[in-house]
C-alpha atoms as a PDB file:
ATOM      1  CA  UNK A   1     -63.181 100.456 -11.525  1.00  0.00           C
ATOM      2  CA  UNK A   2     -63.637 104.194 -11.196  1.00  0.00           C
ATOM      3  CA  UNK A   3     -63.938 104.809 -14.958  1.00  0.00           C
ATOM      4  CA  UNK A   4     -66.636 102.084 -15.365  1.00  0.00           C
ATOM      5  CA  UNK A   5     -68.522 103.852 -12.513  1.00  0.00           C
ATOM      6  CA  UNK A   6     -68.422 107.101 -14.158  1.00  0.00           C
ATOM      7  CA  UNK A   7     -69.437 105.696 -17.384  1.00  0.00           C
ATOM      8  CA  UNK A   8     -72.283 103.995 -16.182  1.00  0.00           C
ATOM      9  CA  UNK A   9     -73.374 107.111 -14.245  1.00  0.00           C
ATOM     10  CA  UNK A  10     -73.178 109.260 -17.620  1.00  0.00           C
ATOM     11  CA  UNK A  11     -75.087 106.626 -19.604  1.00  0.00           C
ATOM     12  CA  UNK A  12     -77.922 106.640 -16.882  1.00  0.00           C
ATOM     13  CA  UNK A  13     -78.039 110.346 -16.684  1.00  0.00           C
ATOM     14  CA  UNK A  14     -78.433 110.474 -20.497  1.00  0.00           C
ATOM     15  CA  UNK A  15     -81.009 107.746 -20.775  1.00  0.00           C
ATOM     16  CA  UNK A  16     -83.109 108.227 -17.802  1.00  0.00           C
ATOM     17  CA  UNK A  17     -82.416 111.833 -16.166  1.00  0.00           C
ATOM     18  CA  UNK A  18     -81.564 114.092 -18.939  1.00  0.00           C
ATOM     19  CA  UNK A  19     -78.208 116.107 -18.898  1.00  0.00           C
ATOM     20  CA  UNK A  20     -79.544 119.345 -17.569  1.00  0.00           C
ATOM     21  CA  UNK A  21     -80.291 117.915 -14.093  1.00  0.00           C
ATOM     22  CA  UNK A  22     -76.888 116.441 -13.537  1.00  0.00           C
ATOM     23  CA  UNK A  23     -74.089 118.669 -12.427  1.00  0.00           C
ATOM     24  CA  UNK A  24     -70.593 118.286 -13.834  1.00  0.00           C
ATOM     25  CA  UNK A  25     -69.047 118.011 -10.498  1.00  0.00           C
ATOM     26  CA  UNK A  26     -71.544 115.150  -9.521  1.00  0.00           C
ATOM     27  CA  UNK A  27     -70.824 113.311 -12.685  1.00  0.00           C
ATOM     28  CA  UNK A  28     -66.934 113.713 -12.278  1.00  0.00           C
ATOM     29  CA  UNK A  29     -67.131 112.449  -8.620  1.00  0.00           C
ATOM     30  CA  UNK A  30     -69.248 109.558  -9.415  1.00  0.00           C
ATOM     31  CA  UNK A  31     -71.506 110.268  -6.430  1.00  0.00           C
ATOM     32  CA  UNK A  32     -75.189 111.643  -6.036  1.00  0.00           C
ATOM     33  CA  UNK A  33     -75.144 115.166  -4.378  1.00  0.00           C
ATOM     34  CA  UNK A  34     -78.183 116.058  -2.319  1.00  0.00           C
ATOM     35  CA  UNK A  35     -78.725 119.541  -0.724  1.00  0.00           C
ATOM     36  CA  UNK A  36     -81.151 119.615   2.198  1.00  0.00           C
ATOM     37  CA  UNK A  37     -82.050 123.261   3.132  1.00  0.00           C
ATOM     38  CA  UNK A  38     -83.300 123.772   6.608  1.00  0.00           C
ATOM     39  CA  UNK A  39     -85.615 126.501   6.205  1.00  0.00           C
ATOM     40  CA  UNK A  40     -84.930 129.501   8.409  1.00  0.00           C
ATOM     41  CA  UNK A  41     -81.853 128.125  10.072  1.00  0.00           C
ATOM     42  CA  UNK A  42     -79.414 130.769  10.666  1.00  0.00           C
ATOM     43  CA  UNK A  43     -81.638 133.299   8.669  1.00  0.00           C
ATOM     44  CA  UNK A  44     -80.179 135.994  10.634  1.00  0.00           C
ATOM     45  CA  UNK A  45     -77.009 135.665   8.659  1.00  0.00           C
ATOM     46  CA  UNK A  46     -78.897 136.473   5.384  1.00  0.00           C
ATOM     47  CA  UNK A  47     -77.118 138.731   3.166  1.00  0.00           C
ATOM     48  CA  UNK A  48     -78.872 142.352   2.440  1.00  0.00           C
ATOM     49  CA  UNK A  49     -80.297 140.968  -0.858  1.00  0.00           C
ATOM     50  CA  UNK A  50     -82.245 138.609   1.372  1.00  0.00           C
ATOM     51  CA  UNK A  51     -82.777 140.619   4.338  1.00  0.00           C
ATOM     52  CA  UNK A  52     -86.675 140.004   4.231  1.00  0.00           C
ATOM     53  CA  UNK A  53     -86.138 136.335   5.148  1.00  0.00           C
ATOM     54  CA  UNK A  54     -84.275 137.441   8.507  1.00  0.00           C
ATOM     55  CA  UNK A  55     -87.020 136.928  10.949  1.00  0.00           C
ATOM     56  CA  UNK A  56     -90.093 135.637   9.115  1.00  0.00           C
ATOM     57  CA  UNK A  57     -90.306 131.989  10.021  1.00  0.00           C
ATOM     58  CA  UNK A  58     -93.318 130.544  12.156  1.00  0.00           C
ATOM     59  CA  UNK A  59     -93.320 128.838  15.222  1.00  0.00           C
ATOM     60  CA  UNK A  60     -95.626 126.375  17.173  1.00  0.00           C
ATOM     61  CA  UNK A  61     -95.753 123.788  19.846  1.00  0.00           C
ATOM     62  CA  UNK A  62     -92.790 125.836  21.937  1.00  0.00           C
ATOM     63  CA  UNK A  63     -90.778 125.301  18.607  1.00  0.00           C
ATOM     64  CA  UNK A  64     -89.444 127.905  16.171  1.00  0.00           C
ATOM     65  CA  UNK A  65     -89.633 126.799  12.495  1.00  0.00           C
ATOM     66  CA  UNK A  66     -85.897 126.237  12.052  1.00  0.00           C
ATOM     67  CA  UNK A  67     -85.689 124.039  14.878  1.00  0.00           C
ATOM     68  CA  UNK A  68     -88.251 121.745  13.303  1.00  0.00           C
ATOM     69  CA  UNK A  69     -86.701 122.002   9.820  1.00  0.00           C
ATOM     70  CA  UNK A  70     -83.069 121.458  11.160  1.00  0.00           C
ATOM     71  CA  UNK A  71     -84.300 118.324  12.903  1.00  0.00           C
ATOM     72  CA  UNK A  72     -86.012 116.889   9.879  1.00  0.00           C
ATOM     73  CA  UNK A  73     -83.122 117.591   7.561  1.00  0.00           C
ATOM     74  CA  UNK A  74     -80.680 115.931   9.991  1.00  0.00           C
ATOM     75  CA  UNK A  75     -82.606 113.069  10.129  1.00  0.00           C
ATOM     76  CA  UNK A  76     -83.296 112.723   6.353  1.00  0.00           C
ATOM     77  CA  UNK A  77     -79.572 113.139   5.780  1.00  0.00           C
ATOM     78  CA  UNK A  78     -78.742 110.297   7.989  1.00  0.00           C
ATOM     79  CA  UNK A  79     -81.014 108.002   6.164  1.00  0.00           C
ATOM     80  CA  UNK A  80     -79.612 109.133   2.882  1.00  0.00           C
ATOM     81  CA  UNK A  81     -76.098 108.653   3.597  1.00  0.00           C
ATOM     82  CA  UNK A  82     -76.742 105.407   5.032  1.00  0.00           C
ATOM     83  CA  UNK A  83     -78.021 104.515   1.589  1.00  0.00           C
ATOM     84  CA  UNK A  84     -75.030 105.877  -0.403  1.00  0.00           C
ATOM     85  CA  UNK A  85     -75.643 109.619  -1.016  1.00  0.00           C
ATOM     86  CA  UNK A  86     -73.616 112.534  -0.378  1.00  0.00           C
ATOM     87  CA  UNK A  87     -75.678 115.019   1.544  1.00  0.00           C
ATOM     88  CA  UNK A  88     -75.171 118.603   2.474  1.00  0.00           C
ATOM     89  CA  UNK A  89     -77.487 120.515   5.092  1.00  0.00           C
ATOM     90  CA  UNK A  90     -77.825 124.046   4.244  1.00  0.00           C
ATOM     91  CA  UNK A  91     -78.923 127.010   5.959  1.00  0.00           C
ATOM     92  CA  UNK A  92     -81.478 129.682   4.910  1.00  0.00           C
ATOM     93  CA  UNK A  93     -78.850 131.407   2.661  1.00  0.00           C
ATOM     94  CA  UNK A  94     -78.048 129.166  -0.297  1.00  0.00           C
ATOM     95  CA  UNK A  95     -74.410 129.587  -1.560  1.00  0.00           C
ATOM     96  CA  UNK A  96     -74.036 131.521  -4.945  1.00  0.00           C
ATOM     97  CA  UNK A  97     -74.730 129.140  -7.842  1.00  0.00           C
ATOM     98  CA  UNK A  98     -75.375 126.097  -5.573  1.00  0.00           C
ATOM     99  CA  UNK A  99     -75.107 122.729  -7.552  1.00  0.00           C
ATOM    100  CA  UNK A 100     -76.249 119.414  -6.598  1.00  0.00           C
ATOM    101  CA  UNK A 101     -78.350 116.606  -8.185  1.00  0.00           C
ATOM    102  CA  UNK A 102     -81.226 117.410  -6.038  1.00  0.00           C
ATOM    103  CA  UNK A 103     -81.979 120.319  -3.804  1.00  0.00           C
ATOM    104  CA  UNK A 104     -84.947 120.257  -1.177  1.00  0.00           C
ATOM    105  CA  UNK A 105     -85.971 123.374   0.846  1.00  0.00           C
ATOM    106  CA  UNK A 106     -87.522 121.897   4.124  1.00  0.00           C
ATOM    107  CA  UNK A 107     -89.924 124.252   5.550  1.00  0.00           C
ATOM    108  CA  UNK A 108     -92.973 124.408   8.111  1.00  0.00           C
ATOM    109  CA  UNK A 109     -96.298 126.385   7.708  1.00  0.00           C
ATOM    110  CA  UNK A 110     -98.257 128.592  10.048  1.00  0.00           C
ATOM    111  CA  UNK A 111    -101.808 129.956  10.111  1.00  0.00           C
ATOM    112  CA  UNK A 112    -103.875 132.170  12.538  1.00  0.00           C
ATOM    113  CA  UNK A 113    -106.429 129.099  12.896  1.00  0.00           C
ATOM    114  CA  UNK A 114    -105.261 125.792  13.984  1.00  0.00           C
ATOM    115  CA  UNK A 115    -107.719 123.954  11.520  1.00  0.00           C
ATOM    116  CA  UNK A 116    -105.237 124.711   8.675  1.00  0.00           C
ATOM    117  CA  UNK A 117    -103.475 121.279   8.090  1.00  0.00           C
ATOM    118  CA  UNK A 118    -101.449 119.501   5.337  1.00  0.00           C
ATOM    119  CA  UNK A 119     -98.301 119.517   3.577  1.00  0.00           C
ATOM    120  CA  UNK A 120     -97.492 120.959   0.178  1.00  0.00           C
ATOM    121  CA  UNK A 121     -94.631 120.553  -2.492  1.00  0.00           C
ATOM    122  CA  UNK A 122     -93.677 122.939  -5.403  1.00  0.00           C
ATOM    123  CA  UNK A 123     -91.240 123.055  -8.170  1.00  0.00           C
ATOM    124  CA  UNK A 124     -89.818 126.408  -9.586  1.00  0.00           C
ATOM    125  CA  UNK A 125     -92.374 128.388 -11.584  1.00  0.00           C
ATOM    126  CA  UNK A 126     -89.315 128.491 -14.098  1.00  0.00           C
ATOM    127  CA  UNK A 127     -87.703 125.056 -14.157  1.00  0.00           C
ATOM    128  CA  UNK A 128     -84.678 124.986 -16.673  1.00  0.00           C
ATOM    129  CA  UNK A 129     -84.117 121.402 -15.937  1.00  0.00           C
ATOM    130  CA  UNK A 130     -87.600 120.124 -16.823  1.00  0.00           C
ATOM    131  CA  UNK A 131     -87.430 117.516 -14.133  1.00  0.00           C
ATOM    132  CA  UNK A 132     -88.328 119.317 -10.804  1.00  0.00           C
ATOM    133  CA  UNK A 133     -92.286 118.883 -11.576  1.00  0.00           C
ATOM    134  CA  UNK A 134     -91.665 115.037 -11.709  1.00  0.00           C
ATOM    135  CA  UNK A 135     -89.716 115.114  -8.690  1.00  0.00           C
ATOM    136  CA  UNK A 136     -92.137 117.049  -6.894  1.00  0.00           C
ATOM    137  CA  UNK A 137     -94.790 114.542  -7.515  1.00  0.00           C
ATOM    138  CA  UNK A 138     -92.772 111.766  -6.516  1.00  0.00           C
ATOM    139  CA  UNK A 139     -92.065 113.629  -3.134  1.00  0.00           C
ATOM    140  CA  UNK A 140     -95.680 114.502  -2.598  1.00  0.00           C
ATOM    141  CA  UNK A 141     -96.641 110.735  -2.918  1.00  0.00           C
ATOM    142  CA  UNK A 142     -93.720 109.613  -0.545  1.00  0.00           C
ATOM    143  CA  UNK A 143     -94.195 112.120   2.165  1.00  0.00           C
ATOM    144  CA  UNK A 144     -98.176 111.283   2.204  1.00  0.00           C
ATOM    145  CA  UNK A 145     -97.458 107.748   2.390  1.00  0.00           C
ATOM    146  CA  UNK A 146     -94.922 108.248   5.260  1.00  0.00           C
ATOM    147  CA  UNK A 147     -96.684 110.808   7.239  1.00  0.00           C
ATOM    148  CA  UNK A 148    -100.498 110.202   6.324  1.00  0.00           C
ATOM    149  CA  UNK A 149    -100.913 114.046   6.025  1.00  0.00           C
ATOM    150  CA  UNK A 150    -103.284 115.740   3.841  1.00  0.00           C
ATOM    151  CA  UNK A 151    -101.883 116.837   0.649  1.00  0.00           C
ATOM    152  CA  UNK A 152    -102.425 120.749  -0.074  1.00  0.00           C
ATOM    153  CA  UNK A 153    -102.242 122.474  -3.430  1.00  0.00           C
ATOM    154  CA  UNK A 154     -98.848 124.353  -3.401  1.00  0.00           C
ATOM    155  CA  UNK A 155     -98.960 128.202  -3.763  1.00  0.00           C
ATOM    156  CA  UNK A 156     -97.471 130.488  -6.385  1.00  0.00           C
ATOM    157  CA  UNK A 157     -95.390 131.774  -3.548  1.00  0.00           C
ATOM    158  CA  UNK A 158     -93.540 128.735  -3.146  1.00  0.00           C
ATOM    159  CA  UNK A 159     -93.083 128.347  -6.821  1.00  0.00           C
ATOM    160  CA  UNK A 160     -91.345 131.581  -6.514  1.00  0.00           C
ATOM    161  CA  UNK A 161     -88.979 130.690  -3.652  1.00  0.00           C
ATOM    162  CA  UNK A 162     -85.840 132.917  -3.600  1.00  0.00           C
ATOM    163  CA  UNK A 163     -83.493 129.932  -3.799  1.00  0.00           C
ATOM    164  CA  UNK A 164     -84.957 129.083  -7.213  1.00  0.00           C
ATOM    165  CA  UNK A 165     -84.660 132.671  -8.528  1.00  0.00           C
ATOM    166  CA  UNK A 166     -80.820 133.064  -9.897  1.00  0.00           C
ATOM    167  CA  UNK A 167     -82.061 135.920 -12.155  1.00  0.00           C
ATOM    168  CA  UNK A 168     -82.972 138.147  -9.161  1.00  0.00           C
ATOM    169  CA  UNK A 169     -80.342 136.806  -6.427  1.00  0.00           C
ATOM    170  CA  UNK A 170     -77.102 135.984  -6.340  1.00  0.00           C
ATOM    171  CA  UNK A 171     -77.559 133.351  -3.334  1.00  0.00           C
ATOM    172  CA  UNK A 172     -79.484 130.938  -5.497  1.00  0.00           C
ATOM    173  CA  UNK A 173     -79.427 127.528  -7.171  1.00  0.00           C
ATOM    174  CA  UNK A 174     -77.517 127.055 -10.308  1.00  0.00           C
ATOM    175  CA  UNK A 175     -80.198 126.555 -12.970  1.00  0.00           C
ATOM    176  CA  UNK A 176     -78.937 122.955 -13.816  1.00  0.00           C
ATOM    177  CA  UNK A 177     -79.807 121.967 -10.078  1.00  0.00           C
ATOM    178  CA  UNK A 178     -83.229 120.162  -9.828  1.00  0.00           C
ATOM    179  CA  UNK A 179     -84.934 121.841  -6.674  1.00  0.00           C
ATOM    180  CA  UNK A 180     -88.101 121.711  -5.089  1.00  0.00           C
ATOM    181  CA  UNK A 181     -89.627 123.231  -1.690  1.00  0.00           C
ATOM    182  CA  UNK A 182     -91.673 121.292   0.787  1.00  0.00           C
ATOM    183  CA  UNK A 183     -93.907 122.560   3.543  1.00  0.00           C
ATOM    184  CA  UNK A 184     -93.887 119.776   5.762  1.00  0.00           C
ATOM    185  CA  UNK A 185     -97.109 120.702   7.916  1.00  0.00           C
ATOM    186  CA  UNK A 186     -98.347 123.483  10.190  1.00  0.00           C
ATOM    187  CA  UNK A 187     -96.762 124.019  13.344  1.00  0.00           C
ATOM    188  CA  UNK A 188     -99.878 125.616  14.463  1.00  0.00           C
ATOM    189  CA  UNK A 189    -101.959 122.525  13.698  1.00  0.00           C
ATOM    190  CA  UNK A 190    -102.265 120.082  16.774  1.00  0.00           C
ATOM    191  CA  UNK A 191    -102.785 117.360  14.050  1.00  0.00           C
ATOM    192  CA  UNK A 192     -99.563 118.236  12.101  1.00  0.00           C
ATOM    193  CA  UNK A 193     -97.498 118.784  15.165  1.00  0.00           C
ATOM    194  CA  UNK A 194     -97.965 115.349  16.086  1.00  0.00           C
ATOM    195  CA  UNK A 195     -95.993 114.295  13.200  1.00  0.00           C
ATOM    196  CA  UNK A 196     -93.419 117.189  13.124  1.00  0.00           C
ATOM    197  CA  UNK A 197     -92.551 117.337  16.796  1.00  0.00           C
ATOM    198  CA  UNK A 198     -93.457 113.901  17.910  1.00  0.00           C
ATOM    199  CA  UNK A 199     -92.737 111.639  14.793  1.00  0.00           C
ATOM    200  CA  UNK A 200     -90.209 113.713  12.621  1.00  0.00           C
ATOM    201  CA  UNK A 201     -88.740 110.247  11.362  1.00  0.00           C
ATOM    202  CA  UNK A 202     -91.658 109.806   9.556  1.00  0.00           C
ATOM    203  CA  UNK A 203     -91.141 113.332   7.804  1.00  0.00           C
ATOM    204  CA  UNK A 204     -87.590 112.540   7.259  1.00  0.00           C
ATOM    205  CA  UNK A 205     -88.294 108.996   5.641  1.00  0.00           C
ATOM    206  CA  UNK A 206     -90.880 110.583   3.362  1.00  0.00           C
ATOM    207  CA  UNK A 207     -88.066 112.931   2.094  1.00  0.00           C
ATOM    208  CA  UNK A 208     -85.547 110.169   2.030  1.00  0.00           C
ATOM    209  CA  UNK A 209     -87.494 107.657   0.218  1.00  0.00           C
ATOM    210  CA  UNK A 210     -88.679 110.302  -2.507  1.00  0.00           C
ATOM    211  CA  UNK A 211     -84.977 110.847  -3.280  1.00  0.00           C
ATOM    212  CA  UNK A 212     -84.098 107.001  -3.582  1.00  0.00           C
ATOM    213  CA  UNK A 213     -87.246 106.610  -5.964  1.00  0.00           C
ATOM    214  CA  UNK A 214     -86.366 109.440  -8.037  1.00  0.00           C
ATOM    215  CA  UNK A 215     -82.591 109.103  -8.109  1.00  0.00           C
ATOM    216  CA  UNK A 216     -81.537 105.475  -7.085  1.00  0.00           C
ATOM    217  CA  UNK A 217     -77.885 104.913  -6.066  1.00  0.00           C
ATOM    218  CA  UNK A 218     -78.059 101.468  -7.431  1.00  0.00           C
ATOM    219  CA  UNK A 219     -79.017 102.746 -10.930  1.00  0.00           C
ATOM    220  CA  UNK A 220     -75.981 104.858 -11.204  1.00  0.00           C
ATOM    221  CA  UNK A 221     -73.065 103.017  -9.381  1.00  0.00           C
ATOM    222  CA  UNK A 222     -71.772 100.203 -11.568  1.00  0.00           C
ATOM    223  CA  UNK A 223     -71.065  96.858 -10.151  1.00  0.00           C
ATOM    224  CA  UNK A 224     -67.414  96.676  -8.949  1.00  0.00           C
ATOM    225  CA  UNK A 225     -66.680  93.144 -10.157  1.00  0.00           C
ATOM    226  CA  UNK A 226     -64.708  92.891 -13.446  1.00  0.00           C
END
């Protein structure tokens, strides 16, 4: 049945997803591979080319950003694995030429005023796959439904996220990987902390549901019956 599964997966990718966003590794294995990056986790280990990220995370509510993003990433990974996805949780440093069907960099925002609130999602400024923008829209809608947080306009800085820039950095995504970044809320906002710290499952569900809506397992795994 493995040949049938792979053929169905290839057909789905060609008709609905477009070949650029699907890695050869994923197609060969017949699985959907998701990379979840916990923003600022183990950032002290960043190589010299990314030295600027070694200590630039935010904090709030007694938590460092990496603690919050890792918690959300782990919860989202658990949900996705239960739904049939292969999931990797990545630290701040992305492996060189990292490949997956979807990559989501999970971060939290900070600001000097506690009035700043909301989340934002951004695709790369240069999207070789042509699909990251569509996934960003799905993720924004799903995350808003799950958390009821305000949706903010993404910044150019988010669009230029280092993991998207394989031209400049060795430790960056392979251009074939569909990648987005999400700022899940403001750790400096009492409103947002109610979700990020007290109800992180809602953030995780918003991310997992977006993946399932955009790239459903049921659409790429053929029926095992003869």
